[in-house]
C-alpha atoms as a PDB file:
ATOM      1  CA  MET A   1       0.000   0.000   0.000  1.00  0.00           C
ATOM      2  CA  THR A   2       1.244   3.507  -0.610  1.00  0.00           C
ATOM      3  CA  TYR A   3       1.331   5.846   2.321  1.00  0.00           C
ATOM      4  CA  PRO A   4      -0.774   9.007   1.934  1.00  0.00           C
ATOM      5  CA  GLY A   5       1.181  11.006   3.794  1.00  0.00           C
ATOM      6  CA  ASP A   6      -8.027  14.298  15.595  1.00  0.00           C
ATOM      7  CA  GLY A   7     -12.436  12.920  17.294  1.00  0.00           C
ATOM      8  CA  GLN A   8     -14.579  13.728  20.273  1.00  0.00           C
ATOM      9  CA  SER A   9     -15.849  12.453  23.552  1.00  0.00           C
ATOM     10  CA  GLY A  10     -16.023   8.957  24.878  1.00  0.00           C
ATOM     11  CA  TRP A  11     -18.497   6.338  25.721  1.00  0.00           C
ATOM     12  CA  GLY A  12     -20.629   8.036  28.325  1.00  0.00           C
ATOM     13  CA  GLY A  13     -23.926   6.314  28.842  1.00  0.00           C
ATOM     14  CA  GLN A  14     -22.356   2.891  28.354  1.00  0.00           C
ATOM     15  CA  PRO A  15     -22.546   0.836  31.577  1.00  0.00           C
ATOM     16  CA  ASN A  16     -19.163   0.375  33.258  1.00  0.00           C
ATOM     17  CA  GLN A  17     -17.342   2.180  30.463  1.00  0.00           C
ATOM     18  CA  GLY A  18     -16.917   5.618  31.971  1.00  0.00           C
ATOM     19  CA  ASP A  19     -15.646   8.477  29.851  1.00  0.00           C
ATOM     20  CA  TRP A  20     -13.228   7.249  27.234  1.00  0.00           C
ATOM     21  CA  GLY A  21     -11.625  10.626  26.966  1.00  0.00           C
ATOM     22  CA  ARG A  22     -11.831  13.571  24.664  1.00  0.00           C
ATOM     23  CA  GLN A  23     -10.770  14.041  21.132  1.00  0.00           C
ATOM     24  CA  ASP A  24     -10.507  16.861  18.685  1.00  0.00           C
ATOM     25  CA  GLN A  25     -13.595  17.003  16.531  1.00  0.00           C
ATOM     26  CA  GLY A  26     -13.347  16.288  12.871  1.00  0.00           C
ATOM     27  CA  TYR A  27     -12.174  13.557  10.550  1.00  0.00           C
ATOM     28  CA  PRO A  28      -8.543  12.512  10.590  1.00  0.00           C
ATOM     29  CA  GLN A  29      -6.440  12.103   7.645  1.00  0.00           C
ATOM     30  CA  GLN A  30      -5.249   9.060   5.990  1.00  0.00           C
ATOM     31  CA  VAL A  31      -2.523   7.039   7.353  1.00  0.00           C
ATOM     32  CA  TYR A  32      -1.153   4.058   5.722  1.00  0.00           C
ATOM     33  CA  PRO A  33      -0.633   3.281   2.192  1.00  0.00           C
ATOM     34  CA  GLN A  34       2.616   2.216   0.969  1.00  0.00           C
ATOM     35  CA  ASN A  35       4.344   5.536   0.672  1.00  0.00           C
ATOM     36  CA  TYR A  36       4.491   5.737   4.410  1.00  0.00           C
ATOM     37  CA  GLY A  37       7.059   7.990   5.792  1.00  0.00           C
ATOM     38  CA  GLY A  38       7.355   9.169   9.346  1.00  0.00           C
ATOM     39  CA  SER A  39       9.055   7.689  12.364  1.00  0.00           C
ATOM     40  CA  TYR A  40       8.327   7.142  16.034  1.00  0.00           C
ATOM     41  CA  GLY A  41       7.856  10.534  17.559  1.00  0.00           C
ATOM     42  CA  GLY A  42       6.287  10.151  20.946  1.00  0.00           C
ATOM     43  CA  LEU A  43       2.635   9.731  20.064  1.00  0.00           C
ATOM     44  CA  GLY A  44       2.602   6.901  22.521  1.00  0.00           C
ATOM     45  CA  VAL A  45       4.586   3.873  23.468  1.00  0.00           C
ATOM     46  CA  PHE A  46       3.485   0.318  23.606  1.00  0.00           C
ATOM     47  CA  SER A  47       2.318  -0.832  27.011  1.00  0.00           C
ATOM     48  CA  GLY A  48       4.180  -3.860  28.279  1.00  0.00           C
ATOM     49  CA  GLY A  49       6.262  -4.243  25.124  1.00  0.00           C
ATOM     50  CA  ASP A  50       9.888  -3.698  24.195  1.00  0.00           C
ATOM     51  CA  GLU A  51       9.304  -1.337  21.311  1.00  0.00           C
ATOM     52  CA  PRO A  52      10.475   2.322  21.217  1.00  0.00           C
ATOM     53  CA  PRO A  53      11.247   3.539  24.779  1.00  0.00           C
ATOM     54  CA  PRO A  54       9.262   6.436  26.223  1.00  0.00           C
ATOM     55  CA  LYS A  55      10.834   9.862  26.174  1.00  0.00           C
ATOM     56  CA  LYS A  56      12.234  11.180  29.444  1.00  0.00           C
ATOM     57  CA  SER A  57      10.016  13.642  31.259  1.00  0.00           C
ATOM     58  CA  ARG A  58      11.084  17.266  31.602  1.00  0.00           C
ATOM     59  CA  ALA A  59       8.903  17.788  34.649  1.00  0.00           C
ATOM     60  CA  LYS A  60      11.894  18.080  36.965  1.00  0.00           C
ATOM     61  CA  LEU A  61      13.986  20.520  34.942  1.00  0.00           C
ATOM     62  CA  TRP A  62      13.412  23.196  37.541  1.00  0.00           C
ATOM     63  CA  LEU A  63      15.514  21.169  39.975  1.00  0.00           C
ATOM     64  CA  VAL A  64      18.506  22.505  38.093  1.00  0.00           C
ATOM     65  CA  ILE A  65      18.047  25.644  40.141  1.00  0.00           C
ATOM     66  CA  GLY A  66      20.395  25.025  43.041  1.00  0.00           C
ATOM     67  CA  ALA A  67      22.348  27.902  44.558  1.00  0.00           C
ATOM     68  CA  VAL A  68      21.764  31.444  43.393  1.00  0.00           C
ATOM     69  CA  VAL A  69      24.672  33.826  43.854  1.00  0.00           C
ATOM     70  CA  VAL A  70      23.996  37.505  43.665  1.00  0.00           C
ATOM     71  CA  VAL A  71      26.999  39.769  43.705  1.00  0.00           C
ATOM     72  CA  LEU A  72      26.170  43.428  43.961  1.00  0.00           C
ATOM     73  CA  VAL A  73      29.157  45.786  43.989  1.00  0.00           C
ATOM     74  CA  GLY A  74      29.197  49.501  45.005  1.00  0.00           C
ATOM     75  CA  GLY A  75      26.838  51.578  47.097  1.00  0.00           C
ATOM     76  CA  GLY A  76      26.200  48.709  49.534  1.00  0.00           C
ATOM     77  CA  VAL A  77      23.359  46.339  48.666  1.00  0.00           C
ATOM     78  CA  THR A  78      21.582  43.507  50.458  1.00  0.00           C
ATOM     79  CA  ALA A  79      19.984  41.041  48.028  1.00  0.00           C
ATOM     80  CA  TYR A  80      16.893  39.023  48.628  1.00  0.00           C
ATOM     81  CA  VAL A  81      16.647  36.187  46.094  1.00  0.00           C
ATOM     82  CA  LEU A  82      13.407  34.393  45.533  1.00  0.00           C
ATOM     83  CA  THR A  83      13.891  31.158  43.647  1.00  0.00           C
ATOM     84  CA  ARG A  84      10.696  29.740  42.303  1.00  0.00           C
ATOM     85  CA  PRO A  85      10.007  26.544  40.335  1.00  0.00           C
ATOM     86  CA  ASP A  86       7.922  28.551  37.877  1.00  0.00           C
ATOM     87  CA  GLY A  87      10.997  30.291  36.535  1.00  0.00           C
ATOM     88  CA  SER A  88      10.454  33.707  38.223  1.00  0.00           C
ATOM     89  CA  THR A  89      13.318  36.178  37.947  1.00  0.00           C
ATOM     90  CA  PRO A  90      15.316  36.736  41.191  1.00  0.00           C
ATOM     91  CA  VAL A  91      14.444  40.017  42.888  1.00  0.00           C
ATOM     92  CA  ALA A  92      17.089  42.323  44.511  1.00  0.00           C
ATOM     93  CA  GLN A  93      16.316  45.196  46.873  1.00  0.00           C
ATOM     94  CA  ASN A  94      18.736  47.971  47.888  1.00  0.00           C
ATOM     95  CA  THR A  95      18.573  48.454  51.682  1.00  0.00           C
ATOM     96  CA  SER A  96      22.101  49.422  52.774  1.00  0.00           C
ATOM     97  CA  SER A  97      24.777  51.979  52.049  1.00  0.00           C
ATOM     98  CA  SER A  98      27.665  49.721  53.033  1.00  0.00           C
ATOM     99  CA  GLN A  99      29.606  47.740  50.479  1.00  0.00           C
ATOM    100  CA  ALA A 100      28.681  44.033  50.657  1.00  0.00           C
ATOM    101  CA  THR A 101      28.559  40.813  48.739  1.00  0.00           C
ATOM    102  CA  THR A 102      25.699  38.505  49.632  1.00  0.00           C
ATOM    103  CA  THR A 103      25.301  34.862  48.612  1.00  0.00           C
ATOM    104  CA  THR A 104      21.949  33.210  49.125  1.00  0.00           C
ATOM    105  CA  THR A 105      21.320  29.502  48.585  1.00  0.00           C
ATOM    106  CA  THR A 106      17.693  28.485  48.288  1.00  0.00           C
ATOM    107  CA  LYS A 107      16.437  24.905  48.198  1.00  0.00           C
ATOM    108  CA  PRO A 108      13.572  24.068  45.805  1.00  0.00           C
ATOM    109  CA  SER A 109      10.220  24.320  47.502  1.00  0.00           C
ATOM    110  CA  THR A 110       8.727  20.957  48.382  1.00  0.00           C
ATOM    111  CA  THR A 111       5.208  22.365  48.571  1.00  0.00           C
ATOM    112  CA  ALA A 112       5.106  23.051  44.837  1.00  0.00           C
ATOM    113  CA  LYS A 113       5.121  19.350  44.033  1.00  0.00           C
ATOM    114  CA  SER A 114       1.911  18.671  45.883  1.00  0.00           C
ATOM    115  CA  THR A 115       0.030  21.267  43.854  1.00  0.00           C
ATOM    116  CA  GLN A 116       1.145  19.896  40.493  1.00  0.00           C
ATOM    117  CA  ALA A 117      -0.714  16.595  40.342  1.00  0.00           C
ATOM    118  CA  THR A 118      -0.001  14.553  37.227  1.00  0.00           C
ATOM    119  CA  GLU A 119      -2.159  11.742  35.925  1.00  0.00           C
ATOM    120  CA  PRO A 120      -0.438   8.359  35.558  1.00  0.00           C
ATOM    121  CA  PRO A 121       0.276   7.309  31.967  1.00  0.00           C
ATOM    122  CA  LEU A 122      -2.345   5.211  30.240  1.00  0.00           C
ATOM    123  CA  THR A 123      -1.531   1.541  30.049  1.00  0.00           C
ATOM    124  CA  CYS A 124      -3.063  -1.529  28.464  1.00  0.00           C
ATOM    125  CA  GLU A 125      -2.153  -5.154  27.989  1.00  0.00           C
ATOM    126  CA  ALA A 126      -2.150  -7.045  24.692  1.00  0.00           C
ATOM    127  CA  ALA A 127      -4.416 -10.082  24.507  1.00  0.00           C
ATOM    128  CA  LYS A 128      -1.968 -12.151  22.451  1.00  0.00           C
ATOM    129  CA  PRO A 129       1.539 -13.187  23.601  1.00  0.00           C
ATOM    130  CA  GLY A 130       4.286 -11.368  21.710  1.00  0.00           C
ATOM    131  CA  TRP A 131       1.982  -8.503  20.708  1.00  0.00           C
ATOM    132  CA  ASN A 132       1.976  -4.915  21.983  1.00  0.00           C
ATOM    133  CA  CYS A 133      -0.897  -2.713  23.102  1.00  0.00           C
ATOM    134  CA  LEU A 134      -1.105   0.965  22.160  1.00  0.00           C
ATOM    135  CA  PRO A 135      -3.423   3.193  24.225  1.00  0.00           C
ATOM    136  CA  VAL A 136      -4.583   6.248  22.255  1.00  0.00           C
ATOM    137  CA  GLN A 137      -6.221   8.765  24.578  1.00  0.00           C
ATOM    138  CA  ASN A 138      -7.487  11.017  21.799  1.00  0.00           C
ATOM    139  CA  LEU A 139      -9.365   8.090  20.276  1.00  0.00           C
ATOM    140  CA  SER A 140     -10.602   6.847  23.673  1.00  0.00           C
ATOM    141  CA  TYR A 141      -9.540   3.285  22.885  1.00  0.00           C
ATOM    142  CA  SER A 142      -6.505   1.014  22.694  1.00  0.00           C
ATOM    143  CA  TYR A 143      -5.567  -1.598  20.125  1.00  0.00           C
ATOM    144  CA  ASP A 144      -3.020  -4.412  19.812  1.00  0.00           C
ATOM    145  CA  VAL A 145      -0.426  -4.923  17.080  1.00  0.00           C
ATOM    146  CA  PRO A 146       2.067  -7.693  16.282  1.00  0.00           C
ATOM    147  CA  LYS A 147       5.698  -7.094  17.167  1.00  0.00           C
ATOM    148  CA  GLY A 148       7.457  -5.107  14.489  1.00  0.00           C
ATOM    149  CA  TRP A 149       4.671  -2.544  14.157  1.00  0.00           C
ATOM    150  CA  THR A 150       5.899   0.899  15.202  1.00  0.00           C
ATOM    151  CA  PRO A 151       3.963   3.952  16.495  1.00  0.00           C
ATOM    152  CA  VAL A 152       4.309   7.173  14.492  1.00  0.00           C
ATOM    153  CA  SER A 153       3.406  10.638  15.743  1.00  0.00           C
ATOM    154  CA  SER A 154       2.136  12.122  12.499  1.00  0.00           C
ATOM    155  CA  SER A 155      -1.427  12.101  11.193  1.00  0.00           C
ATOM    156  CA  ALA A 156      -2.624  10.831   7.815  1.00  0.00           C
ATOM    157  CA  PRO A 157      -5.342  12.416   5.669  1.00  0.00           C
ATOM    158  CA  VAL A 158      -8.239  10.463   4.216  1.00  0.00           C
ATOM    159  CA  GLU A 159      -8.695  11.528   0.623  1.00  0.00           C
ATOM    160  CA  GLY A 160     -12.234  12.559  -0.200  1.00  0.00           C
ATOM    161  CA  MET A 161     -13.004  13.474   3.437  1.00  0.00           C
ATOM    162  CA  GLU A 162     -12.314  17.115   4.122  1.00  0.00           C
ATOM    163  CA  ASP A 163     -10.291  17.798   7.271  1.00  0.00           C
ATOM    164  CA  VAL A 164     -10.303  14.121   8.256  1.00  0.00           C
ATOM    165  CA  LYS A 165      -7.009  12.745   9.557  1.00  0.00           C
ATOM    166  CA  LEU A 166      -6.134   9.409  11.090  1.00  0.00           C
ATOM    167  CA  ILE A 167      -4.153   9.508  14.324  1.00  0.00           C
ATOM    168  CA  GLY A 168      -2.827   6.944  16.805  1.00  0.00           C
ATOM    169  CA  LEU A 169      -0.910   5.407  13.924  1.00  0.00           C
ATOM    170  CA  THR A 170       1.302   2.351  13.692  1.00  0.00           C
ATOM    171  CA  VAL A 171       3.066   0.975  10.608  1.00  0.00           C
ATOM    172  CA  THR A 172       5.031  -2.097   9.599  1.00  0.00           C
ATOM    173  CA  GLY A 173       7.289  -3.347   6.833  1.00  0.00           C
ATOM    174  CA  ALA A 174       8.844  -0.142   5.501  1.00  0.00           C
ATOM    175  CA  TYR A 175      10.724  -0.528   2.197  1.00  0.00           C
ATOM    176  CA  ASP A 176      11.760   1.517  -0.820  1.00  0.00           C
ATOM    177  CA  CYS A 177      11.282   0.599  -4.450  1.00  0.00           C
ATOM    178  CA  GLU A 178      12.287   2.567  -7.539  1.00  0.00           C
ATOM    179  CA  GLY A 179      12.884   5.682  -5.451  1.00  0.00           C
ATOM    180  CA  ASN A 180       9.570   5.577  -3.580  1.00  0.00           C
ATOM    181  CA  ASP A 181       8.851   4.682   0.045  1.00  0.00           C
ATOM    182  CA  TYR A 182       6.302   2.023   0.962  1.00  0.00           C
ATOM    183  CA  THR A 183       4.986   0.147   3.975  1.00  0.00           C
ATOM    184  CA  ARG A 184       3.353  -3.261   4.195  1.00  0.00           C
ATOM    185  CA  GLY A 185       0.665  -2.192   6.614  1.00  0.00           C
ATOM    186  CA  GLY A 186      -0.691   0.457   8.939  1.00  0.00           C
ATOM    187  CA  ALA A 187      -3.409   1.195  11.477  1.00  0.00           C
ATOM    188  CA  GLY A 188      -5.019   4.188  13.118  1.00  0.00           C
ATOM    189  CA  GLY A 189      -8.292   5.936  13.738  1.00  0.00           C
ATOM    190  CA  VAL A 190     -10.358   9.049  14.206  1.00  0.00           C
ATOM    191  CA  VAL A 191     -13.558  10.254  15.853  1.00  0.00           C
ATOM    192  CA  VAL A 192     -16.243  11.685  13.579  1.00  0.00           C
ATOM    193  CA  PRO A 193     -19.746  13.083  14.077  1.00  0.00           C
ATOM    194  CA  GLN A 194     -22.569  10.582  14.454  1.00  0.00           C
ATOM    195  CA  THR A 195     -24.621   9.889  11.349  1.00  0.00           C
ATOM    196  CA  ASP A 196     -25.178   6.289  10.193  1.00  0.00           C
ATOM    197  CA  LEU A 197     -22.820   3.552  11.473  1.00  0.00           C
ATOM    198  CA  THR A 198     -22.934   1.331   8.405  1.00  0.00           C
ATOM    199  CA  ALA A 199     -22.675   4.197   5.934  1.00  0.00           C
ATOM    200  CA  VAL A 200     -19.639   5.628   7.741  1.00  0.00           C
ATOM    201  CA  ALA A 201     -17.882   2.236   7.853  1.00  0.00           C
ATOM    202  CA  LYS A 202     -18.483   1.616   4.144  1.00  0.00           C
ATOM    203  CA  ASP A 203     -17.335   5.124   3.220  1.00  0.00           C
ATOM    204  CA  PHE A 204     -14.061   4.813   5.151  1.00  0.00           C
ATOM    205  CA  ALA A 205     -13.352   1.324   3.783  1.00  0.00           C
ATOM    206  CA  GLN A 206     -13.977   2.370   0.174  1.00  0.00           C
ATOM    207  CA  LYS A 207     -11.990   5.593   0.342  1.00  0.00           C
ATOM    208  CA  LEU A 208      -9.000   4.191   2.255  1.00  0.00           C
ATOM    209  CA  ALA A 209      -8.606   1.093   0.071  1.00  0.00           C
ATOM    210  CA  THR A 210      -8.852   3.241  -3.051  1.00  0.00           C
ATOM    211  CA  GLN A 211      -6.323   5.711  -1.709  1.00  0.00           C
ATOM    212  CA  TYR A 212      -3.766   3.122  -0.602  1.00  0.00           C
ATOM    213  CA  TYR A 213      -3.616   1.186  -3.860  1.00  0.00           C
ATOM    214  CA  LYS A 214      -4.481   3.763  -6.507  1.00  0.00           C
ATOM    215  CA  SER A 215      -0.867   4.239  -7.626  1.00  0.00           C
ATOM    216  CA  ALA A 216      -1.053   1.021  -9.659  1.00  0.00           C
ATOM    217  CA  PRO A 217      -1.943   1.378 -13.354  1.00  0.00           C
ATOM    218  CA  LYS A 218      -4.972  -0.801 -12.658  1.00  0.00           C
ATOM    219  CA  SER A 219      -6.742  -1.159  -9.325  1.00  0.00           C
ATOM    220  CA  GLU A 220     -10.160  -2.248  -8.144  1.00  0.00           C
ATOM    221  CA  VAL A 221     -11.842  -2.115  -4.728  1.00  0.00           C
ATOM    222  CA  LYS A 222     -14.643  -4.380  -3.551  1.00  0.00           C
ATOM    223  CA  LEU A 223     -16.547  -3.986  -0.294  1.00  0.00           C
ATOM    224  CA  GLY A 224     -17.626  -6.890   1.859  1.00  0.00           C
ATOM    225  CA  GLU A 225     -20.931  -7.106   3.688  1.00  0.00           C
ATOM    226  CA  PRO A 226     -21.237  -5.006   6.858  1.00  0.00           C
ATOM    227  CA  LYS A 227     -21.001  -7.045  10.081  1.00  0.00           C
ATOM    228  CA  PRO A 228     -22.670  -5.952  13.338  1.00  0.00           C
ATOM    229  CA  VAL A 229     -20.168  -5.784  16.212  1.00  0.00           C
ATOM    230  CA  LYS A 230     -20.424  -5.329  19.978  1.00  0.00           C
ATOM    231  CA  VAL A 231     -17.533  -4.372  22.242  1.00  0.00           C
ATOM    232  CA  GLY A 232     -19.020  -4.976  25.659  1.00  0.00           C
ATOM    233  CA  THR A 233     -22.212  -2.953  25.476  1.00  0.00           C
ATOM    234  CA  ILE A 234     -20.918  -0.663  22.729  1.00  0.00           C
ATOM    235  CA  GLU A 235     -22.635  -1.000  19.376  1.00  0.00           C
ATOM    236  CA  GLY A 236     -20.558  -1.056  16.200  1.00  0.00           C
ATOM    237  CA  VAL A 237     -20.136  -2.313  12.655  1.00  0.00           C
ATOM    238  CA  GLN A 238     -17.215  -3.662  10.607  1.00  0.00           C
ATOM    239  CA  VAL A 239     -16.721  -3.376   6.856  1.00  0.00           C
ATOM    240  CA  ASP A 240     -13.789  -4.898   4.905  1.00  0.00           C
ATOM    241  CA  ALA A 241     -12.522  -3.655   1.553  1.00  0.00           C
ATOM    242  CA  THR A 242     -10.322  -5.758  -0.741  1.00  0.00           C
ATOM    243  CA  ALA A 243      -8.105  -4.030  -3.301  1.00  0.00           C
ATOM    244  CA  THR A 244      -6.547  -5.801  -6.304  1.00  0.00           C
ATOM    245  CA  THR A 245      -3.934  -4.194  -8.542  1.00  0.00           C
ATOM    246  CA  SER A 246      -1.793  -4.922 -11.590  1.00  0.00           C
ATOM    247  CA  GLY A 247       0.969  -3.231 -13.547  1.00  0.00           C
ATOM    248  CA  ASP A 248       3.176  -2.088 -10.650  1.00  0.00           C
ATOM    249  CA  ALA A 249       6.011  -4.361  -9.518  1.00  0.00           C
ATOM    250  CA  CYS A 250       6.564  -2.322  -6.342  1.00  0.00           C
ATOM    251  CA  LEU A 251       2.985  -2.496  -5.153  1.00  0.00           C
ATOM    252  CA  ALA A 252       1.074  -5.423  -3.677  1.00  0.00           C
ATOM    253  CA  THR A 253      -1.306  -7.155  -6.061  1.00  0.00           C
ATOM    254  CA  LYS A 254      -3.815  -7.645  -3.250  1.00  0.00           C
ATOM    255  CA  GLY A 255      -4.459  -5.700  -0.076  1.00  0.00           C
ATOM    256  CA  MET A 256      -7.175  -5.266   2.516  1.00  0.00           C
ATOM    257  CA  VAL A 257      -8.560  -2.503   4.700  1.00  0.00           C
ATOM    258  CA  LYS A 258     -10.671  -3.452   7.714  1.00  0.00           C
ATOM    259  CA  VAL A 259     -12.758  -0.658   9.245  1.00  0.00           C
ATOM    260  CA  LEU A 260     -14.463  -0.787  12.631  1.00  0.00           C
ATOM    261  CA  VAL A 261     -16.861   1.985  13.697  1.00  0.00           C
ATOM    262  CA  LEU A 262     -18.077   2.116  17.312  1.00  0.00           C
ATOM    263  CA  LYS A 263     -20.831   4.366  18.651  1.00  0.00           C
ATOM    264  CA  GLY A 264     -19.736   6.674  21.446  1.00  0.00           C
ATOM    265  CA  ASP A 265     -21.921   9.072  23.388  1.00  0.00           C
ATOM    266  CA  LYS A 266     -21.149  11.999  21.088  1.00  0.00           C
ATOM    267  CA  GLY A 267     -19.278  10.610  18.095  1.00  0.00           C
ATOM    268  CA  PHE A 268     -18.359   7.554  16.058  1.00  0.00           C
ATOM    269  CA  HIS A 269     -14.966   6.101  16.985  1.00  0.00           C
ATOM    270  CA  VAL A 270     -13.326   4.744  13.822  1.00  0.00           C
ATOM    271  CA  PHE A 271     -10.458   2.222  13.676  1.00  0.00           C
ATOM    272  CA  MET A 272      -8.825   0.922  10.518  1.00  0.00           C
ATOM    273  CA  ALA A 273      -6.228  -1.807   9.924  1.00  0.00           C
ATOM    274  CA  ASN A 274      -4.658  -2.068   6.479  1.00  0.00           C
ATOM    275  CA  GLY A 275      -2.187  -4.545   5.073  1.00  0.00           C
ATOM    276  CA  ASP A 276      -0.810  -6.006   1.867  1.00  0.00           C
ATOM    277  CA  LEU A 277      -1.767  -9.638   1.408  1.00  0.00           C
ATOM    278  CA  GLU A 278      -0.106 -10.678  -1.856  1.00  0.00           C
ATOM    279  CA  GLY A 279       2.483  -9.383  -4.328  1.00  0.00           C
ATOM    280  CA  GLY A 280       5.092  -6.712  -3.909  1.00  0.00           C
ATOM    281  CA  PRO A 281       8.658  -7.503  -2.795  1.00  0.00           C
ATOM    282  CA  ALA A 282       9.656 -10.779  -1.178  1.00  0.00           C
ATOM    283  CA  GLU A 283      10.910  -8.835   1.840  1.00  0.00           C
ATOM    284  CA  PRO A 284       9.547  -7.460   4.046  1.00  0.00           C
ATOM    285  CA  LYS A 285       6.764  -9.992   4.213  1.00  0.00           C
ATOM    286  CA  PRO A 286       3.197  -8.663   4.332  1.00  0.00           C
ATOM    287  CA  PRO A 287       0.909  -9.176   7.335  1.00  0.00           C
ATOM    288  CA  THR A 288      -1.779 -11.843   7.247  1.00  0.00           C
ATOM    289  CA  GLU A 289      -5.513 -11.212   7.122  1.00  0.00           C
ATOM    290  CA  ALA A 290      -5.767 -13.071  10.429  1.00  0.00           C
ATOM    291  CA  ASP A 291      -3.420 -10.537  12.037  1.00  0.00           C
ATOM    292  CA  LEU A 292      -5.442  -7.625  10.656  1.00  0.00           C
ATOM    293  CA  GLN A 293      -8.638  -9.116  12.054  1.00  0.00           C
ATOM    294  CA  ALA A 294      -6.994  -9.751  15.428  1.00  0.00           C
ATOM    295  CA  MET A 295      -6.071  -6.057  15.529  1.00  0.00           C
ATOM    296  CA  VAL A 296      -9.695  -5.090  14.903  1.00  0.00           C
ATOM    297  CA  ASP A 297     -10.912  -7.551  17.532  1.00  0.00           C
ATOM    298  CA  SER A 298      -8.458  -6.091  20.083  1.00  0.00           C
ATOM    299  CA  VAL A 299      -9.991  -2.593  20.102  1.00  0.00           C
ATOM    300  CA  LYS A 300     -11.326  -1.782  23.577  1.00  0.00           C
ATOM    301  CA  PRO A 301     -12.333   1.365  25.454  1.00  0.00           C
ATOM    302  CA  LEU A 302      -9.835   3.060  27.716  1.00  0.00           C
ATOM    303  CA  SER A 303     -10.844   3.135  31.354  1.00  0.00           C
ATOM    304  CA  ARG A 304     -10.093   6.170  33.540  1.00  0.00           C
END
């Protein structure tokens, strides 16, 4: 597939689901066809896996402030230095006529920490051994991927859907061919306004499959029958699209896009898993349809 290249509230009203979190309204943009591009950039890290390590927090940078030395020469000055974790500028006041040099060492305030409560990072556990789980707060759900799939921090537009971008992306099997960059598969999602579940699923499946395989001289997309889905008490629908191509040695001759749409309290939460199935280079090998379906089946709401 050639790479083409943020949703709303959660699942309120669903028993035992709580609020899945908030997302930016609007459709996301496409995310995986074979011209992929992009690298891990901190969108999220796999929970419980050994994929890209999380970035170090900068929350304690203010601890660098140790001793503050204020040297005031001439006219006699006594300095009062206020060191604050919020980066305030030290303040000096002139109170004496005698010549003096004053050094003041101030320890970081311990009371500031208690007022800056931080939420623990979201975590999730993959259902299958050897897989990784990626929690995506802005989508209000997590999903599992096989090892070798990597998170990317960019978004991907969906052609034919204005201002719609896929986020929470992962990709696998990056390769180059005849000067172009490709990937063997990708996944991601978006939150869109509520309209009709089945119509939205079919629209995403058709547009994404067309977009990911259109670079071939000949390509055709066929939609499968919509399948009703339930994730706990959450209503949803899945639609698969199969793309076949010919005339391009770099591109897969067969690929699939699986789209899951779940009904939240204010929006539809969309997830898509795409992968080459046949054709293209011998290496890297494409994912299997079973893996793509397992990714769809792994989608679950984030608890808070």
